[in-house]
Amino acid sequence: DLRSVSTAVAIEVAKAAIKDGVAR
């Protein structure tokens, strides 16, 4: 499950960075 879990975590981290205004 590592690949699918890693993908899900990365997606949520990216969304949080966008929401917080820190995404490049």
PDB file of all heavy atoms in Angstrom:
ATOM      1  N   ASP A   1       0.811  -1.218   0.000  1.00  0.00           N
ATOM      2  CA  ASP A   1       0.000   0.000   0.000  1.00  0.00           C
ATOM      3  C   ASP A   1       0.847   1.272   0.000  1.00  0.00           C
ATOM      4  O   ASP A   1       0.307   2.376  -0.025  1.00  0.00           O
ATOM      5  CB  ASP A   1      -0.905   0.029   1.239  1.00  0.00           C
ATOM      6  CG  ASP A   1      -1.853  -1.149   1.287  1.00  0.00           C
ATOM      7  OD1 ASP A   1      -2.271  -1.612   0.208  1.00  0.00           O
ATOM      8  OD2 ASP A   1      -2.171  -1.605   2.397  1.00  0.00           O
ATOM      9  N   LEU A   2       2.154   1.116   0.031  1.00  0.00           N
ATOM     10  CA  LEU A   2       3.044   2.264   0.214  1.00  0.00           C
ATOM     11  C   LEU A   2       2.873   3.333  -0.867  1.00  0.00           C
ATOM     12  O   LEU A   2       2.808   4.526  -0.570  1.00  0.00           O
ATOM     13  CB  LEU A   2       4.494   1.789   0.273  1.00  0.00           C
ATOM     14  CG  LEU A   2       5.508   2.765   0.812  1.00  0.00           C
ATOM     15  CD1 LEU A   2       5.112   3.281   2.188  1.00  0.00           C
ATOM     16  CD2 LEU A   2       6.881   2.123   0.860  1.00  0.00           C
ATOM     17  N   ARG A   3       2.779   2.940  -2.108  1.00  0.00           N
ATOM     18  CA  ARG A   3       2.662   3.914  -3.196  1.00  0.00           C
ATOM     19  C   ARG A   3       1.346   4.690  -3.108  1.00  0.00           C
ATOM     20  O   ARG A   3       1.332   5.911  -3.238  1.00  0.00           O
ATOM     21  CB  ARG A   3       2.800   3.220  -4.546  1.00  0.00           C
ATOM     22  CG  ARG A   3       2.927   4.198  -5.690  1.00  0.00           C
ATOM     23  CD  ARG A   3       3.431   3.488  -6.944  1.00  0.00           C
ATOM     24  NE  ARG A   3       3.683   4.413  -8.003  1.00  0.00           N
ATOM     25  CZ  ARG A   3       4.798   5.109  -8.149  1.00  0.00           C
ATOM     26  NH1 ARG A   3       5.776   4.967  -7.305  1.00  0.00           N
ATOM     27  NH2 ARG A   3       4.944   5.946  -9.144  1.00  0.00           N
ATOM     28  N   SER A   4       0.248   3.998  -2.875  1.00  0.00           N
ATOM     29  CA  SER A   4      -1.043   4.690  -2.809  1.00  0.00           C
ATOM     30  C   SER A   4      -1.122   5.580  -1.569  1.00  0.00           C
ATOM     31  O   SER A   4      -1.668   6.687  -1.628  1.00  0.00           O
ATOM     32  CB  SER A   4      -2.205   3.695  -2.844  1.00  0.00           C
ATOM     33  OG  SER A   4      -2.167   2.848  -1.721  1.00  0.00           O
ATOM     34  N   VAL A   5      -0.569   5.121  -0.449  1.00  0.00           N
ATOM     35  CA  VAL A   5      -0.554   5.939   0.769  1.00  0.00           C
ATOM     36  C   VAL A   5       0.328   7.166   0.569  1.00  0.00           C
ATOM     37  O   VAL A   5      -0.047   8.285   0.932  1.00  0.00           O
ATOM     38  CB  VAL A   5      -0.099   5.112   1.992  1.00  0.00           C
ATOM     39  CG1 VAL A   5       0.141   5.992   3.204  1.00  0.00           C
ATOM     40  CG2 VAL A   5      -1.121   4.030   2.304  1.00  0.00           C
ATOM     41  N   SER A   6       1.496   6.977  -0.039  1.00  0.00           N
ATOM     42  CA  SER A   6       2.401   8.101  -0.304  1.00  0.00           C
ATOM     43  C   SER A   6       1.743   9.137  -1.206  1.00  0.00           C
ATOM     44  O   SER A   6       1.873  10.341  -0.989  1.00  0.00           O
ATOM     45  CB  SER A   6       3.693   7.606  -0.955  1.00  0.00           C
ATOM     46  OG  SER A   6       4.384   6.746  -0.102  1.00  0.00           O
ATOM     47  N   THR A   7       1.010   8.662  -2.206  1.00  0.00           N
ATOM     48  CA  THR A   7       0.305   9.566  -3.115  1.00  0.00           C
ATOM     49  C   THR A   7      -0.754  10.366  -2.361  1.00  0.00           C
ATOM     50  O   THR A   7      -0.843  11.588  -2.512  1.00  0.00           O
ATOM     51  CB  THR A   7      -0.362   8.770  -4.259  1.00  0.00           C
ATOM     52  OG1 THR A   7       0.641   8.022  -4.941  1.00  0.00           O
ATOM     53  CG2 THR A   7      -1.066   9.692  -5.239  1.00  0.00           C
ATOM     54  N   ALA A   8      -1.536   9.682  -1.535  1.00  0.00           N
ATOM     55  CA  ALA A   8      -2.592  10.357  -0.773  1.00  0.00           C
ATOM     56  C   ALA A   8      -2.012  11.397   0.182  1.00  0.00           C
ATOM     57  O   ALA A   8      -2.543  12.514   0.292  1.00  0.00           O
ATOM     58  CB  ALA A   8      -3.410   9.329   0.005  1.00  0.00           C
ATOM     59  N   VAL A   9      -0.912  11.063   0.847  1.00  0.00           N
ATOM     60  CA  VAL A   9      -0.274  12.008   1.765  1.00  0.00           C
ATOM     61  C   VAL A   9       0.256  13.214   0.995  1.00  0.00           C
ATOM     62  O   VAL A   9       0.046  14.369   1.394  1.00  0.00           O
ATOM     63  CB  VAL A   9       0.857  11.319   2.563  1.00  0.00           C
ATOM     64  CG1 VAL A   9       1.693  12.338   3.325  1.00  0.00           C
ATOM     65  CG2 VAL A   9       0.285  10.280   3.513  1.00  0.00           C
ATOM     66  N   ALA A  10       0.926  12.972  -0.125  1.00  0.00           N
ATOM     67  CA  ALA A  10       1.479  14.073  -0.929  1.00  0.00           C
ATOM     68  C   ALA A  10       0.383  15.011  -1.429  1.00  0.00           C
ATOM     69  O   ALA A  10       0.546  16.240  -1.433  1.00  0.00           O
ATOM     70  CB  ALA A  10       2.276  13.516  -2.102  1.00  0.00           C
ATOM     71  N   ILE A  11      -0.733  14.450  -1.829  1.00  0.00           N
ATOM     72  CA  ILE A  11      -1.856  15.268  -2.312  1.00  0.00           C
ATOM     73  C   ILE A  11      -2.372  16.169  -1.195  1.00  0.00           C
ATOM     74  O   ILE A  11      -2.590  17.368  -1.399  1.00  0.00           O
ATOM     75  CB  ILE A  11      -2.977  14.368  -2.873  1.00  0.00           C
ATOM     76  CG1 ILE A  11      -2.520  13.739  -4.191  1.00  0.00           C
ATOM     77  CG2 ILE A  11      -4.281  15.152  -3.062  1.00  0.00           C
ATOM     78  CD1 ILE A  11      -3.418  12.608  -4.679  1.00  0.00           C
ATOM     79  N   GLU A  12      -2.556  15.607  -0.013  1.00  0.00           N
ATOM     80  CA  GLU A  12      -3.065  16.402   1.109  1.00  0.00           C
ATOM     81  C   GLU A  12      -2.052  17.467   1.551  1.00  0.00           C
ATOM     82  O   GLU A  12      -2.438  18.578   1.921  1.00  0.00           O
ATOM     83  CB  GLU A  12      -3.465  15.497   2.269  1.00  0.00           C
ATOM     84  CG  GLU A  12      -4.657  14.612   1.956  1.00  0.00           C
ATOM     85  CD  GLU A  12      -5.868  15.382   1.426  1.00  0.00           C
ATOM     86  OE1 GLU A  12      -6.234  16.425   2.031  1.00  0.00           O
ATOM     87  OE2 GLU A  12      -6.438  14.955   0.418  1.00  0.00           O
ATOM     88  N   VAL A  13      -0.770  17.143   1.527  1.00  0.00           N
ATOM     89  CA  VAL A  13       0.262  18.130   1.877  1.00  0.00           C
ATOM     90  C   VAL A  13       0.248  19.272   0.868  1.00  0.00           C
ATOM     91  O   VAL A  13       0.305  20.451   1.239  1.00  0.00           O
ATOM     92  CB  VAL A  13       1.652  17.465   1.949  1.00  0.00           C
ATOM     93  CG1 VAL A  13       2.757  18.515   2.022  1.00  0.00           C
ATOM     94  CG2 VAL A  13       1.733  16.526   3.145  1.00  0.00           C
ATOM     95  N   ALA A  14       0.143  18.950  -0.416  1.00  0.00           N
ATOM     96  CA  ALA A  14       0.095  19.978  -1.449  1.00  0.00           C
ATOM     97  C   ALA A  14      -1.137  20.868  -1.287  1.00  0.00           C
ATOM     98  O   ALA A  14      -1.050  22.100  -1.385  1.00  0.00           O
ATOM     99  CB  ALA A  14       0.110  19.333  -2.836  1.00  0.00           C
ATOM    100  N   LYS A  15      -2.277  20.265  -1.026  1.00  0.00           N
ATOM    101  CA  LYS A  15      -3.511  21.041  -0.822  1.00  0.00           C
ATOM    102  C   LYS A  15      -3.377  21.966   0.389  1.00  0.00           C
ATOM    103  O   LYS A  15      -3.818  23.120   0.346  1.00  0.00           O
ATOM    104  CB  LYS A  15      -4.709  20.110  -0.643  1.00  0.00           C
ATOM    105  CG  LYS A  15      -5.143  19.431  -1.931  1.00  0.00           C
ATOM    106  CD  LYS A  15      -6.313  18.494  -1.661  1.00  0.00           C
ATOM    107  CE  LYS A  15      -6.794  17.802  -2.907  1.00  0.00           C
ATOM    108  NZ  LYS A  15      -7.914  16.883  -2.629  1.00  0.00           N
ATOM    109  N   ALA A  16      -2.774  21.476   1.456  1.00  0.00           N
ATOM    110  CA  ALA A  16      -2.584  22.299   2.655  1.00  0.00           C
ATOM    111  C   ALA A  16      -1.628  23.457   2.370  1.00  0.00           C
ATOM    112  O   ALA A  16      -1.850  24.579   2.830  1.00  0.00           O
ATOM    113  CB  ALA A  16      -2.053  21.444   3.808  1.00  0.00           C
ATOM    114  N   ALA A  17      -0.575  23.200   1.602  1.00  0.00           N
ATOM    115  CA  ALA A  17       0.374  24.263   1.251  1.00  0.00           C
ATOM    116  C   ALA A  17      -0.302  25.334   0.407  1.00  0.00           C
ATOM    117  O   ALA A  17      -0.065  26.537   0.604  1.00  0.00           O
ATOM    118  CB  ALA A  17       1.569  23.669   0.503  1.00  0.00           C
ATOM    119  N   ILE A  18      -1.161  24.910  -0.509  1.00  0.00           N
ATOM    120  CA  ILE A  18      -1.901  25.875  -1.335  1.00  0.00           C
ATOM    121  C   ILE A  18      -2.848  26.691  -0.453  1.00  0.00           C
ATOM    122  O   ILE A  18      -2.889  27.922  -0.544  1.00  0.00           O
ATOM    123  CB  ILE A  18      -2.665  25.147  -2.464  1.00  0.00           C
ATOM    124  CG1 ILE A  18      -1.673  24.566  -3.481  1.00  0.00           C
ATOM    125  CG2 ILE A  18      -3.655  26.090  -3.148  1.00  0.00           C
ATOM    126  CD1 ILE A  18      -2.281  23.574  -4.460  1.00  0.00           C
ATOM    127  N   LYS A  19      -3.577  26.013   0.408  1.00  0.00           N
ATOM    128  CA  LYS A  19      -4.526  26.682   1.306  1.00  0.00           C
ATOM    129  C   LYS A  19      -3.829  27.695   2.216  1.00  0.00           C
ATOM    130  O   LYS A  19      -4.329  28.784   2.465  1.00  0.00           O
ATOM    131  CB  LYS A  19      -5.264  25.648   2.146  1.00  0.00           C
ATOM    132  CG  LYS A  19      -6.278  26.236   3.093  1.00  0.00           C
ATOM    133  CD  LYS A  19      -6.955  25.154   3.916  1.00  0.00           C
ATOM    134  CE  LYS A  19      -7.845  25.801   4.961  1.00  0.00           C
ATOM    135  NZ  LYS A  19      -8.322  24.812   5.937  1.00  0.00           N
ATOM    136  N   ASP A  20      -2.632  27.313   2.722  1.00  0.00           N
ATOM    137  CA  ASP A  20      -1.883  28.187   3.636  1.00  0.00           C
ATOM    138  C   ASP A  20      -1.112  29.287   2.916  1.00  0.00           C
ATOM    139  O   ASP A  20      -0.506  30.145   3.551  1.00  0.00           O
ATOM    140  CB  ASP A  20      -0.905  27.362   4.473  1.00  0.00           C
ATOM    141  CG  ASP A  20      -1.614  26.456   5.470  1.00  0.00           C
ATOM    142  OD1 ASP A  20      -2.831  26.633   5.692  1.00  0.00           O
ATOM    143  OD2 ASP A  20      -0.937  25.563   6.029  1.00  0.00           O
ATOM    144  N   GLY A  21      -1.108  29.247   1.583  1.00  0.00           N
ATOM    145  CA  GLY A  21      -0.434  30.284   0.808  1.00  0.00           C
ATOM    146  C   GLY A  21       1.079  30.137   0.745  1.00  0.00           C
ATOM    147  O   GLY A  21       1.776  31.104   0.456  1.00  0.00           O
ATOM    148  N   VAL A  22       1.591  28.948   1.007  1.00  0.00           N
ATOM    149  CA  VAL A  22       3.039  28.744   0.982  1.00  0.00           C
ATOM    150  C   VAL A  22       3.500  27.912  -0.216  1.00  0.00           C
ATOM    151  O   VAL A  22       4.698  27.667  -0.369  1.00  0.00           O
ATOM    152  CB  VAL A  22       3.548  28.102   2.288  1.00  0.00           C
ATOM    153  CG1 VAL A  22       3.317  29.033   3.469  1.00  0.00           C
ATOM    154  CG2 VAL A  22       2.899  26.754   2.530  1.00  0.00           C
ATOM    155  N   ALA A  23       2.576  27.498  -1.052  1.00  0.00           N
ATOM    156  CA  ALA A  23       2.944  26.705  -2.232  1.00  0.00           C
ATOM    157  C   ALA A  23       3.588  27.601  -3.274  1.00  0.00           C
ATOM    158  O   ALA A  23       3.140  28.717  -3.511  1.00  0.00           O
ATOM    159  CB  ALA A  23       1.709  26.032  -2.821  1.00  0.00           C
ATOM    160  N   ARG A  24       4.668  27.117  -3.873  1.00  0.00           N
ATOM    161  CA  ARG A  24       5.341  27.870  -4.938  1.00  0.00           C
ATOM    162  C   ARG A  24       4.594  27.744  -6.254  1.00  0.00           C
ATOM    163  O   ARG A  24       4.700  28.596  -7.114  1.00  0.00           O
ATOM    164  CB  ARG A  24       6.766  27.365  -5.117  1.00  0.00           C
ATOM    165  CG  ARG A  24       7.645  27.652  -3.924  1.00  0.00           C
ATOM    166  CD  ARG A  24       9.042  27.180  -4.196  1.00  0.00           C
ATOM    167  NE  ARG A  24       9.870  27.342  -3.021  1.00  0.00           N
ATOM    168  CZ  ARG A  24      11.092  26.903  -2.912  1.00  0.00           C
ATOM    169  NH1 ARG A  24      11.651  26.277  -3.921  1.00  0.00           N
ATOM    170  NH2 ARG A  24      11.776  27.082  -1.817  1.00  0.00           N
TER     171      ARG A  24
END
